Amino acid sequence: MREKTLRLFIAAYPPTGVAEHLVRACAELGPPLPSDARPTPIEQVHLTLLFLGDRRASDLESIEESIRRSCAGLEAFSLVPEALITLPFGRHPRLVAARTNAPPTLLELQRRLATRLAAPERNRKRSGYLPHMTLVRFGRGTEAEVALDGFGAFRVDRITLVRSVLTPKGAQHRGLVDVPLGRDQ
């Protein structure tokens, strides 16, 4: 019998008010978003630190331990949404995201997680980490970048191991483990 696999990623979530504000800002973009635009549900707006992909359910305990070790000694940090951008870069973007600043603690945390948990082929292909939160998905659109002047910082004091289940209506996310920053693990 085949072992159950789980589609996993590690994320940091903004406060609900920040997520709501960012999704509203997308609605005000010009030119208008494509007609097939699908806003990200507010509770699913997040900053992905590392996509793990399909992992065996029996590996959850060791994944959690790796996350805790990656967080060890790192303090909470502030993120600032800087601009709304379309991704991927190039001729046929498929989403609007809020690009954030890249504080050293975030980059160190992402590096530690990737070193411990990324599949070997993903770790080799890494071309840099672009911190962003996906806000709207669509079939195809035009490139855009709009500055988010005056948008305040929010504090990241924990990260979450998340299970993503793909359904016909979109991905459903469920937090499995929260790991705090700024305390001994």
N, C-alpha and C. Protein backbone atom coordinates (compact mmCIF):
# COMPACT_ATOMS: atom_id res chain seq x y z
N MET A 1 0.84 -1.18 0.00
CA MET A 1 0.00 0.00 0.00
C MET A 1 0.89 1.25 0.00
N ARG A 2 0.53 2.22 -0.81
CA ARG A 2 1.31 3.44 -0.96
C ARG A 2 1.07 4.39 0.21
N GLU A 3 2.17 4.99 0.71
CA GLU A 3 2.06 5.90 1.84
C GLU A 3 1.41 7.22 1.40
N LYS A 4 0.63 7.79 2.29
CA LYS A 4 -0.05 9.07 2.03
C LYS A 4 0.98 10.18 1.90
N THR A 5 0.76 11.05 0.90
CA THR A 5 1.62 12.23 0.75
C THR A 5 0.80 13.49 1.00
N LEU A 6 1.49 14.52 1.44
CA LEU A 6 0.87 15.80 1.72
C LEU A 6 1.61 16.87 0.93
N ARG A 7 0.87 17.79 0.33
CA ARG A 7 1.46 18.93 -0.38
C ARG A 7 1.68 20.03 0.66
N LEU A 8 2.95 20.41 0.88
CA LEU A 8 3.30 21.27 2.00
C LEU A 8 4.08 22.51 1.56
N PHE A 9 3.94 23.58 2.35
CA PHE A 9 4.81 24.73 2.22
C PHE A 9 4.94 25.39 3.58
N ILE A 10 5.96 26.27 3.70
CA ILE A 10 6.20 27.00 4.94
C ILE A 10 5.94 28.46 4.66
N ALA A 11 5.15 29.11 5.53
CA ALA A 11 4.68 30.47 5.24
C ALA A 11 4.70 31.35 6.47
N ALA A 12 4.67 32.65 6.19
CA ALA A 12 4.43 33.68 7.21
C ALA A 12 3.16 34.40 6.79
N TYR A 13 2.25 34.60 7.73
CA TYR A 13 0.97 35.24 7.43
C TYR A 13 0.93 36.67 7.96
N PRO A 14 0.42 37.60 7.14
CA PRO A 14 0.24 38.97 7.63
C PRO A 14 -1.03 39.04 8.48
N PRO A 15 -1.18 40.09 9.27
CA PRO A 15 -2.45 40.29 9.97
C PRO A 15 -3.60 40.41 8.96
N THR A 16 -4.79 40.03 9.36
CA THR A 16 -5.95 40.05 8.47
C THR A 16 -6.16 41.42 7.83
N GLY A 17 -6.02 42.49 8.61
CA GLY A 17 -6.21 43.84 8.07
C GLY A 17 -5.24 44.16 6.94
N VAL A 18 -4.01 43.71 7.06
CA VAL A 18 -3.01 43.92 6.01
C VAL A 18 -3.42 43.17 4.75
N ALA A 19 -3.80 41.90 4.91
CA ALA A 19 -4.22 41.10 3.76
C ALA A 19 -5.42 41.74 3.06
N GLU A 20 -6.40 42.20 3.83
CA GLU A 20 -7.58 42.85 3.25
C GLU A 20 -7.19 44.09 2.46
N HIS A 21 -6.33 44.91 3.04
CA HIS A 21 -5.88 46.14 2.38
C HIS A 21 -5.17 45.83 1.06
N LEU A 22 -4.31 44.82 1.05
CA LEU A 22 -3.57 44.47 -0.16
C LEU A 22 -4.50 43.94 -1.26
N VAL A 23 -5.44 43.09 -0.89
CA VAL A 23 -6.38 42.56 -1.89
C VAL A 23 -7.24 43.70 -2.45
N ARG A 24 -7.66 44.65 -1.58
CA ARG A 24 -8.42 45.82 -2.06
C ARG A 24 -7.58 46.66 -3.01
N ALA A 25 -6.29 46.82 -2.72
CA ALA A 25 -5.41 47.61 -3.59
C ALA A 25 -5.34 46.99 -4.99
N CYS A 26 -5.40 45.67 -5.08
CA CYS A 26 -5.40 45.01 -6.39
C CYS A 26 -6.64 45.37 -7.20
N ALA A 27 -7.76 45.48 -6.52
CA ALA A 27 -9.02 45.80 -7.22
C ALA A 27 -8.96 47.18 -7.85
N GLU A 28 -8.09 48.04 -7.33
CA GLU A 28 -7.98 49.41 -7.84
C GLU A 28 -6.89 49.56 -8.90
N LEU A 29 -6.27 48.45 -9.31
CA LEU A 29 -5.21 48.52 -10.32
C LEU A 29 -5.75 48.93 -11.68
N GLY A 30 -4.97 49.64 -12.42
CA GLY A 30 -5.27 49.94 -13.80
C GLY A 30 -4.07 49.57 -14.63
N PRO A 31 -4.17 49.05 -15.84
CA PRO A 31 -5.44 48.71 -16.48
C PRO A 31 -6.18 47.63 -15.69
N PRO A 32 -7.47 47.49 -15.95
CA PRO A 32 -8.24 46.51 -15.18
C PRO A 32 -7.63 45.11 -15.29
N LEU A 33 -7.81 44.36 -14.21
CA LEU A 33 -7.35 42.98 -14.22
C LEU A 33 -8.15 42.18 -15.24
N PRO A 34 -7.59 41.09 -15.75
CA PRO A 34 -8.34 40.25 -16.69
C PRO A 34 -9.66 39.78 -16.07
N SER A 35 -10.62 39.45 -16.93
CA SER A 35 -11.95 39.05 -16.45
C SER A 35 -11.92 37.75 -15.65
N ASP A 36 -10.90 36.93 -15.84
CA ASP A 36 -10.83 35.67 -15.09
C ASP A 36 -10.05 35.80 -13.78
N ALA A 37 -9.80 37.03 -13.33
CA ALA A 37 -9.03 37.26 -12.10
C ALA A 37 -9.74 36.65 -10.90
N ARG A 38 -8.99 35.94 -10.08
CA ARG A 38 -9.52 35.30 -8.87
C ARG A 38 -8.70 35.79 -7.66
N PRO A 39 -9.30 36.65 -6.84
CA PRO A 39 -8.58 37.12 -5.65
C PRO A 39 -8.26 35.96 -4.70
N THR A 40 -7.13 36.05 -4.06
CA THR A 40 -6.76 35.08 -3.03
C THR A 40 -7.67 35.30 -1.83
N PRO A 41 -8.25 34.25 -1.26
CA PRO A 41 -9.04 34.44 -0.04
C PRO A 41 -8.17 35.11 1.03
N ILE A 42 -8.74 36.04 1.75
CA ILE A 42 -7.99 36.84 2.74
C ILE A 42 -7.20 35.93 3.68
N GLU A 43 -7.82 34.86 4.16
CA GLU A 43 -7.15 33.99 5.13
C GLU A 43 -6.00 33.18 4.52
N GLN A 44 -5.88 33.21 3.19
CA GLN A 44 -4.81 32.47 2.53
C GLN A 44 -3.68 33.37 2.00
N VAL A 45 -3.78 34.68 2.18
CA VAL A 45 -2.69 35.57 1.77
C VAL A 45 -1.50 35.29 2.70
N HIS A 46 -0.36 34.98 2.11
CA HIS A 46 0.82 34.60 2.89
C HIS A 46 2.09 34.87 2.11
N LEU A 47 3.19 34.88 2.81
CA LEU A 47 4.52 34.96 2.23
C LEU A 47 5.08 33.54 2.28
N THR A 48 5.34 32.93 1.13
CA THR A 48 5.92 31.60 1.12
C THR A 48 7.41 31.70 1.41
N LEU A 49 7.85 30.98 2.41
CA LEU A 49 9.27 30.90 2.73
C LEU A 49 9.92 29.75 1.97
N LEU A 50 9.18 28.65 1.82
CA LEU A 50 9.70 27.50 1.08
C LEU A 50 8.55 26.58 0.71
N PHE A 51 8.46 26.24 -0.57
CA PHE A 51 7.49 25.26 -1.03
C PHE A 51 8.16 23.89 -0.93
N LEU A 52 7.56 22.99 -0.19
CA LEU A 52 8.13 21.66 0.00
C LEU A 52 7.60 20.65 -1.00
N GLY A 53 6.42 20.90 -1.55
CA GLY A 53 5.83 19.95 -2.49
C GLY A 53 5.27 18.74 -1.77
N ASP A 54 5.17 17.64 -2.49
CA ASP A 54 4.60 16.42 -1.92
C ASP A 54 5.62 15.74 -1.02
N ARG A 55 5.23 15.53 0.22
CA ARG A 55 6.08 14.86 1.22
C ARG A 55 5.28 13.77 1.90
N ARG A 56 5.96 12.75 2.35
CA ARG A 56 5.30 11.64 3.04
C ARG A 56 4.77 12.12 4.39
N ALA A 57 3.58 11.68 4.72
CA ALA A 57 2.97 12.04 6.01
C ALA A 57 3.87 11.58 7.16
N SER A 58 4.56 10.49 7.00
CA SER A 58 5.44 9.98 8.05
C SER A 58 6.65 10.89 8.29
N ASP A 59 6.92 11.85 7.39
CA ASP A 59 8.05 12.78 7.54
C ASP A 59 7.68 14.05 8.31
N LEU A 60 6.41 14.20 8.69
CA LEU A 60 5.98 15.45 9.35
C LEU A 60 6.79 15.78 10.60
N GLU A 61 7.08 14.79 11.41
CA GLU A 61 7.82 15.05 12.65
C GLU A 61 9.22 15.59 12.35
N SER A 62 9.91 15.00 11.38
CA SER A 62 11.27 15.48 11.07
C SER A 62 11.22 16.84 10.36
N ILE A 63 10.17 17.10 9.58
CA ILE A 63 10.01 18.41 8.94
C ILE A 63 9.81 19.47 10.02
N GLU A 64 8.94 19.18 10.98
CA GLU A 64 8.71 20.13 12.08
C GLU A 64 10.00 20.40 12.83
N GLU A 65 10.78 19.37 13.12
CA GLU A 65 12.05 19.55 13.83
C GLU A 65 13.01 20.42 13.01
N SER A 66 13.06 20.22 11.70
CA SER A 66 13.92 21.05 10.84
C SER A 66 13.48 22.50 10.84
N ILE A 67 12.17 22.73 10.87
CA ILE A 67 11.66 24.10 10.92
C ILE A 67 12.06 24.74 12.25
N ARG A 68 11.89 24.02 13.33
CA ARG A 68 12.26 24.55 14.65
C ARG A 68 13.75 24.89 14.71
N ARG A 69 14.58 24.02 14.18
CA ARG A 69 16.03 24.27 14.19
C ARG A 69 16.38 25.47 13.29
N SER A 70 15.65 25.60 12.18
CA SER A 70 15.90 26.74 11.28
C SER A 70 15.55 28.05 11.96
N CYS A 71 14.55 28.05 12.81
CA CYS A 71 14.10 29.27 13.50
C CYS A 71 14.95 29.59 14.72
N ALA A 72 15.69 28.62 15.22
CA ALA A 72 16.45 28.80 16.46
C ALA A 72 17.37 30.01 16.37
N GLY A 73 17.28 30.87 17.38
CA GLY A 73 18.16 32.03 17.47
C GLY A 73 17.77 33.21 16.59
N LEU A 74 16.70 33.09 15.83
CA LEU A 74 16.25 34.20 14.97
C LEU A 74 15.13 34.96 15.65
N GLU A 75 15.23 36.27 15.63
CA GLU A 75 14.23 37.13 16.23
C GLU A 75 13.11 37.43 15.24
N ALA A 76 11.98 37.85 15.77
CA ALA A 76 10.88 38.33 14.92
C ALA A 76 11.40 39.49 14.07
N PHE A 77 10.76 39.73 12.93
CA PHE A 77 11.21 40.79 12.03
C PHE A 77 10.01 41.49 11.42
N SER A 78 10.25 42.63 10.81
CA SER A 78 9.18 43.40 10.17
C SER A 78 9.25 43.26 8.67
N LEU A 79 8.08 43.13 8.06
CA LEU A 79 7.96 43.12 6.60
C LEU A 79 7.18 44.35 6.17
N VAL A 80 7.58 44.92 5.05
CA VAL A 80 6.89 46.08 4.50
C VAL A 80 6.49 45.77 3.06
N PRO A 81 5.19 45.72 2.75
CA PRO A 81 4.79 45.60 1.35
C PRO A 81 5.23 46.85 0.59
N GLU A 82 6.03 46.66 -0.48
CA GLU A 82 6.61 47.79 -1.19
C GLU A 82 5.94 48.10 -2.52
N ALA A 83 5.47 47.06 -3.21
CA ALA A 83 4.88 47.28 -4.54
C ALA A 83 3.98 46.12 -4.91
N LEU A 84 2.99 46.42 -5.75
CA LEU A 84 2.22 45.37 -6.39
C LEU A 84 2.92 45.06 -7.71
N ILE A 85 3.20 43.79 -7.94
CA ILE A 85 3.90 43.37 -9.15
C ILE A 85 3.16 42.22 -9.81
N THR A 86 3.42 42.00 -11.09
CA THR A 86 2.87 40.83 -11.77
C THR A 86 3.99 39.81 -11.93
N LEU A 87 3.62 38.55 -11.81
CA LEU A 87 4.56 37.43 -11.94
C LEU A 87 3.95 36.34 -12.79
N PRO A 88 4.74 35.52 -13.45
CA PRO A 88 6.18 35.66 -13.53
C PRO A 88 6.55 36.88 -14.37
N PHE A 89 7.79 37.36 -14.18
CA PHE A 89 8.27 38.47 -14.99
C PHE A 89 8.32 38.01 -16.44
N GLY A 90 7.99 38.91 -17.34
CA GLY A 90 8.02 38.54 -18.75
C GLY A 90 6.71 38.85 -19.43
N ARG A 91 6.47 38.17 -20.53
CA ARG A 91 5.35 38.52 -21.40
C ARG A 91 4.00 38.02 -20.95
N HIS A 92 3.93 36.99 -20.13
CA HIS A 92 2.63 36.39 -19.81
C HIS A 92 2.43 36.18 -18.31
N PRO A 93 2.34 37.27 -17.54
CA PRO A 93 2.13 37.10 -16.10
C PRO A 93 0.78 36.44 -15.81
N ARG A 94 0.72 35.75 -14.66
CA ARG A 94 -0.48 35.04 -14.27
C ARG A 94 -0.98 35.39 -12.87
N LEU A 95 -0.30 36.36 -12.24
CA LEU A 95 -0.75 36.74 -10.90
C LEU A 95 -0.24 38.12 -10.54
N VAL A 96 -0.93 38.71 -9.55
CA VAL A 96 -0.49 39.97 -8.94
C VAL A 96 -0.07 39.62 -7.53
N ALA A 97 1.09 40.15 -7.13
CA ALA A 97 1.61 39.88 -5.79
C ALA A 97 2.07 41.19 -5.15
N ALA A 98 2.14 41.18 -3.85
CA ALA A 98 2.73 42.29 -3.10
C ALA A 98 4.17 41.91 -2.81
N ARG A 99 5.11 42.61 -3.45
CA ARG A 99 6.53 42.40 -3.16
C ARG A 99 6.83 43.09 -1.85
N THR A 100 7.61 42.44 -1.00
CA THR A 100 7.97 43.03 0.29
C THR A 100 9.46 43.35 0.32
N ASN A 101 9.85 44.04 1.38
CA ASN A 101 11.27 44.22 1.62
C ASN A 101 11.88 42.86 1.95
N ALA A 102 13.19 42.80 2.08
CA ALA A 102 13.89 41.55 2.34
C ALA A 102 14.86 41.74 3.50
N PRO A 103 14.33 41.82 4.73
CA PRO A 103 15.22 42.02 5.87
C PRO A 103 16.17 40.83 6.04
N PRO A 104 17.36 41.07 6.59
CA PRO A 104 18.35 40.00 6.73
C PRO A 104 17.82 38.77 7.47
N THR A 105 16.99 38.96 8.49
CA THR A 105 16.46 37.80 9.22
C THR A 105 15.59 36.93 8.32
N LEU A 106 14.77 37.55 7.49
CA LEU A 106 13.94 36.79 6.55
C LEU A 106 14.83 35.98 5.60
N LEU A 107 15.83 36.61 5.04
CA LEU A 107 16.71 35.93 4.09
C LEU A 107 17.48 34.79 4.76
N GLU A 108 17.91 35.00 6.00
CA GLU A 108 18.61 33.94 6.73
C GLU A 108 17.66 32.79 7.04
N LEU A 109 16.45 33.09 7.44
CA LEU A 109 15.46 32.04 7.71
C LEU A 109 15.17 31.25 6.45
N GLN A 110 14.95 31.93 5.34
CA GLN A 110 14.65 31.24 4.09
C GLN A 110 15.84 30.36 3.67
N ARG A 111 17.06 30.87 3.84
CA ARG A 111 18.26 30.10 3.49
C ARG A 111 18.36 28.84 4.35
N ARG A 112 18.13 28.99 5.65
CA ARG A 112 18.19 27.83 6.55
C ARG A 112 17.15 26.78 6.18
N LEU A 113 15.93 27.23 5.91
CA LEU A 113 14.86 26.29 5.55
C LEU A 113 15.21 25.56 4.25
N ALA A 114 15.69 26.32 3.25
CA ALA A 114 16.03 25.70 1.97
C ALA A 114 17.17 24.70 2.12
N THR A 115 18.16 25.04 2.94
CA THR A 115 19.29 24.14 3.15
C THR A 115 18.83 22.84 3.80
N ARG A 116 17.93 22.95 4.78
CA ARG A 116 17.48 21.77 5.51
C ARG A 116 16.41 20.96 4.78
N LEU A 117 15.52 21.66 4.04
CA LEU A 117 14.30 20.99 3.60
C LEU A 117 14.04 20.96 2.09
N ALA A 118 14.72 21.79 1.32
CA ALA A 118 14.43 21.81 -0.12
C ALA A 118 14.88 20.50 -0.75
N ALA A 119 14.08 20.02 -1.69
CA ALA A 119 14.48 18.85 -2.46
C ALA A 119 15.78 19.21 -3.18
N PRO A 120 16.71 18.27 -3.32
CA PRO A 120 18.01 18.59 -3.92
C PRO A 120 17.92 19.31 -5.26
N GLU A 121 16.99 18.90 -6.12
CA GLU A 121 16.89 19.57 -7.42
C GLU A 121 16.38 21.00 -7.30
N ARG A 122 15.52 21.27 -6.32
CA ARG A 122 15.05 22.63 -6.09
C ARG A 122 16.17 23.50 -5.54
N ASN A 123 16.97 22.95 -4.63
CA ASN A 123 18.05 23.71 -4.02
C ASN A 123 19.09 24.10 -5.08
N ARG A 124 19.37 23.22 -6.03
CA ARG A 124 20.34 23.51 -7.09
C ARG A 124 19.81 24.57 -8.04
N LYS A 125 18.51 24.56 -8.33
CA LYS A 125 17.93 25.46 -9.33
C LYS A 125 17.61 26.83 -8.76
N ARG A 126 17.77 27.02 -7.45
CA ARG A 126 17.43 28.29 -6.82
C ARG A 126 18.18 29.44 -7.47
N SER A 127 17.46 30.44 -7.92
CA SER A 127 18.12 31.58 -8.54
C SER A 127 17.92 32.85 -7.71
N GLY A 128 17.45 32.70 -6.51
CA GLY A 128 17.20 33.86 -5.66
C GLY A 128 15.80 33.80 -5.11
N TYR A 129 15.65 34.40 -3.99
CA TYR A 129 14.36 34.40 -3.31
C TYR A 129 13.73 35.77 -3.46
N LEU A 130 12.52 35.83 -3.97
CA LEU A 130 11.78 37.08 -4.12
C LEU A 130 10.62 37.06 -3.12
N PRO A 131 10.76 37.77 -2.00
CA PRO A 131 9.67 37.75 -1.03
C PRO A 131 8.43 38.46 -1.57
N HIS A 132 7.31 37.73 -1.61
CA HIS A 132 6.06 38.29 -2.13
C HIS A 132 4.87 37.50 -1.60
N MET A 133 3.69 38.14 -1.66
CA MET A 133 2.44 37.50 -1.26
C MET A 133 1.49 37.55 -2.46
N THR A 134 1.05 36.41 -2.93
CA THR A 134 0.13 36.35 -4.07
C THR A 134 -1.23 36.86 -3.64
N LEU A 135 -1.78 37.80 -4.45
CA LEU A 135 -3.06 38.43 -4.11
C LEU A 135 -4.17 38.10 -5.09
N VAL A 136 -3.81 37.91 -6.38
CA VAL A 136 -4.80 37.63 -7.42
C VAL A 136 -4.16 36.72 -8.45
N ARG A 137 -4.91 35.72 -8.92
CA ARG A 137 -4.44 34.85 -10.00
C ARG A 137 -5.35 35.05 -11.21
N PHE A 138 -4.79 34.86 -12.41
CA PHE A 138 -5.57 34.97 -13.64
C PHE A 138 -4.88 34.17 -14.73
N GLY A 139 -5.57 33.99 -15.86
CA GLY A 139 -5.04 33.19 -16.96
C GLY A 139 -3.84 33.82 -17.63
N ARG A 140 -3.95 35.07 -17.97
CA ARG A 140 -2.87 35.76 -18.65
C ARG A 140 -3.14 37.25 -18.59
N GLY A 141 -2.10 38.02 -18.41
CA GLY A 141 -2.31 39.46 -18.30
C GLY A 141 -1.12 40.25 -18.77
N THR A 142 -1.11 41.52 -18.43
CA THR A 142 -0.03 42.40 -18.83
C THR A 142 0.83 42.71 -17.61
N GLU A 143 2.08 43.09 -17.87
CA GLU A 143 3.00 43.41 -16.78
C GLU A 143 2.59 44.72 -16.11
N ALA A 144 2.83 44.77 -14.81
CA ALA A 144 2.56 46.00 -14.06
C ALA A 144 3.41 46.01 -12.81
N GLU A 145 3.69 47.21 -12.34
CA GLU A 145 4.30 47.41 -11.02
C GLU A 145 3.80 48.74 -10.51
N VAL A 146 3.23 48.70 -9.32
CA VAL A 146 2.66 49.90 -8.71
C VAL A 146 3.22 49.99 -7.30
N ALA A 147 3.86 51.12 -6.98
CA ALA A 147 4.42 51.31 -5.64
C ALA A 147 3.31 51.39 -4.61
N LEU A 148 3.57 50.86 -3.43
CA LEU A 148 2.63 50.94 -2.32
C LEU A 148 3.20 51.92 -1.29
N ASP A 149 3.20 53.18 -1.64
CA ASP A 149 3.77 54.20 -0.76
C ASP A 149 2.99 54.29 0.55
N GLY A 150 3.74 54.43 1.62
CA GLY A 150 3.12 54.66 2.91
C GLY A 150 2.48 53.45 3.54
N PHE A 151 2.69 52.27 2.99
CA PHE A 151 2.09 51.07 3.57
C PHE A 151 2.95 50.65 4.76
N GLY A 152 2.35 50.49 5.91
CA GLY A 152 3.11 50.20 7.12
C GLY A 152 3.67 48.80 7.19
N ALA A 153 4.63 48.65 8.07
CA ALA A 153 5.26 47.35 8.31
C ALA A 153 4.34 46.50 9.19
N PHE A 154 4.53 45.20 9.08
CA PHE A 154 3.88 44.29 10.02
C PHE A 154 4.93 43.32 10.53
N ARG A 155 4.71 42.84 11.72
CA ARG A 155 5.68 42.00 12.42
C ARG A 155 5.42 40.53 12.12
N VAL A 156 6.48 39.81 11.82
CA VAL A 156 6.42 38.36 11.63
C VAL A 156 7.08 37.75 12.86
N ASP A 157 6.28 37.08 13.69
CA ASP A 157 6.81 36.49 14.91
C ASP A 157 6.63 34.98 14.97
N ARG A 158 6.14 34.41 13.86
CA ARG A 158 5.98 32.96 13.77
C ARG A 158 5.88 32.55 12.31
N ILE A 159 6.22 31.32 12.05
CA ILE A 159 6.01 30.77 10.70
C ILE A 159 5.16 29.51 10.84
N THR A 160 4.54 29.12 9.75
CA THR A 160 3.58 28.03 9.78
C THR A 160 3.89 27.00 8.71
N LEU A 161 3.85 25.73 9.09
CA LEU A 161 3.88 24.64 8.12
C LEU A 161 2.44 24.44 7.68
N VAL A 162 2.22 24.52 6.36
CA VAL A 162 0.86 24.51 5.81
C VAL A 162 0.68 23.34 4.87
N ARG A 163 -0.49 22.71 4.95
CA ARG A 163 -0.88 21.69 3.98
C ARG A 163 -1.81 22.35 2.97
N SER A 164 -1.54 22.14 1.70
CA SER A 164 -2.35 22.68 0.61
C SER A 164 -3.02 21.52 -0.11
N VAL A 165 -4.34 21.58 -0.21
CA VAL A 165 -5.10 20.56 -0.93
C VAL A 165 -5.70 21.23 -2.16
N LEU A 166 -5.36 20.73 -3.33
CA LEU A 166 -5.89 21.30 -4.56
C LEU A 166 -7.27 20.74 -4.83
N THR A 167 -8.23 21.65 -5.06
CA THR A 167 -9.61 21.27 -5.37
C THR A 167 -10.02 21.99 -6.65
N PRO A 168 -11.12 21.59 -7.27
CA PRO A 168 -11.59 22.30 -8.46
C PRO A 168 -11.86 23.78 -8.23
N LYS A 169 -12.15 24.17 -7.00
CA LYS A 169 -12.42 25.57 -6.68
C LYS A 169 -11.18 26.32 -6.22
N GLY A 170 -10.02 25.67 -6.25
CA GLY A 170 -8.78 26.30 -5.82
C GLY A 170 -8.16 25.57 -4.65
N ALA A 171 -7.00 26.03 -4.23
CA ALA A 171 -6.29 25.40 -3.13
C ALA A 171 -6.96 25.73 -1.79
N GLN A 172 -6.98 24.74 -0.93
CA GLN A 172 -7.45 24.92 0.44
C GLN A 172 -6.23 24.76 1.35
N HIS A 173 -5.99 25.71 2.24
CA HIS A 173 -4.83 25.68 3.12
C HIS A 173 -5.24 25.35 4.54
N ARG A 174 -4.39 24.55 5.20
CA ARG A 174 -4.62 24.23 6.60
C ARG A 174 -3.28 24.27 7.33
N GLY A 175 -3.18 25.14 8.31
CA GLY A 175 -1.97 25.22 9.11
C GLY A 175 -1.81 23.97 9.95
N LEU A 176 -0.62 23.39 9.91
CA LEU A 176 -0.35 22.18 10.69
C LEU A 176 0.45 22.47 11.96
N VAL A 177 1.44 23.34 11.84
CA VAL A 177 2.32 23.64 12.96
C VAL A 177 2.73 25.11 12.88
N ASP A 178 2.62 25.83 14.01
CA ASP A 178 3.15 27.19 14.13
C ASP A 178 4.45 27.12 14.91
N VAL A 179 5.48 27.79 14.40
CA VAL A 179 6.77 27.83 15.09
C VAL A 179 7.09 29.29 15.38
N PRO A 180 7.23 29.65 16.66
CA PRO A 180 7.52 31.05 17.00
C PRO A 180 8.97 31.43 16.71
N LEU A 181 9.18 32.70 16.45
CA LEU A 181 10.53 33.26 16.33
C LEU A 181 10.81 34.03 17.61
N GLY A 182 12.09 34.20 17.93
CA GLY A 182 12.45 35.03 19.06
C GLY A 182 12.46 34.33 20.40
N ARG A 183 12.27 33.02 20.38
CA ARG A 183 12.36 32.25 21.62
C ARG A 183 13.18 30.99 21.35
N ASP A 184 13.74 30.42 22.37
CA ASP A 184 14.45 29.15 22.20
C ASP A 184 13.45 28.10 21.76
N GLN A 185 13.87 27.34 20.77
CA GLN A 185 12.98 26.33 20.22
C GLN A 185 13.11 25.07 21.05
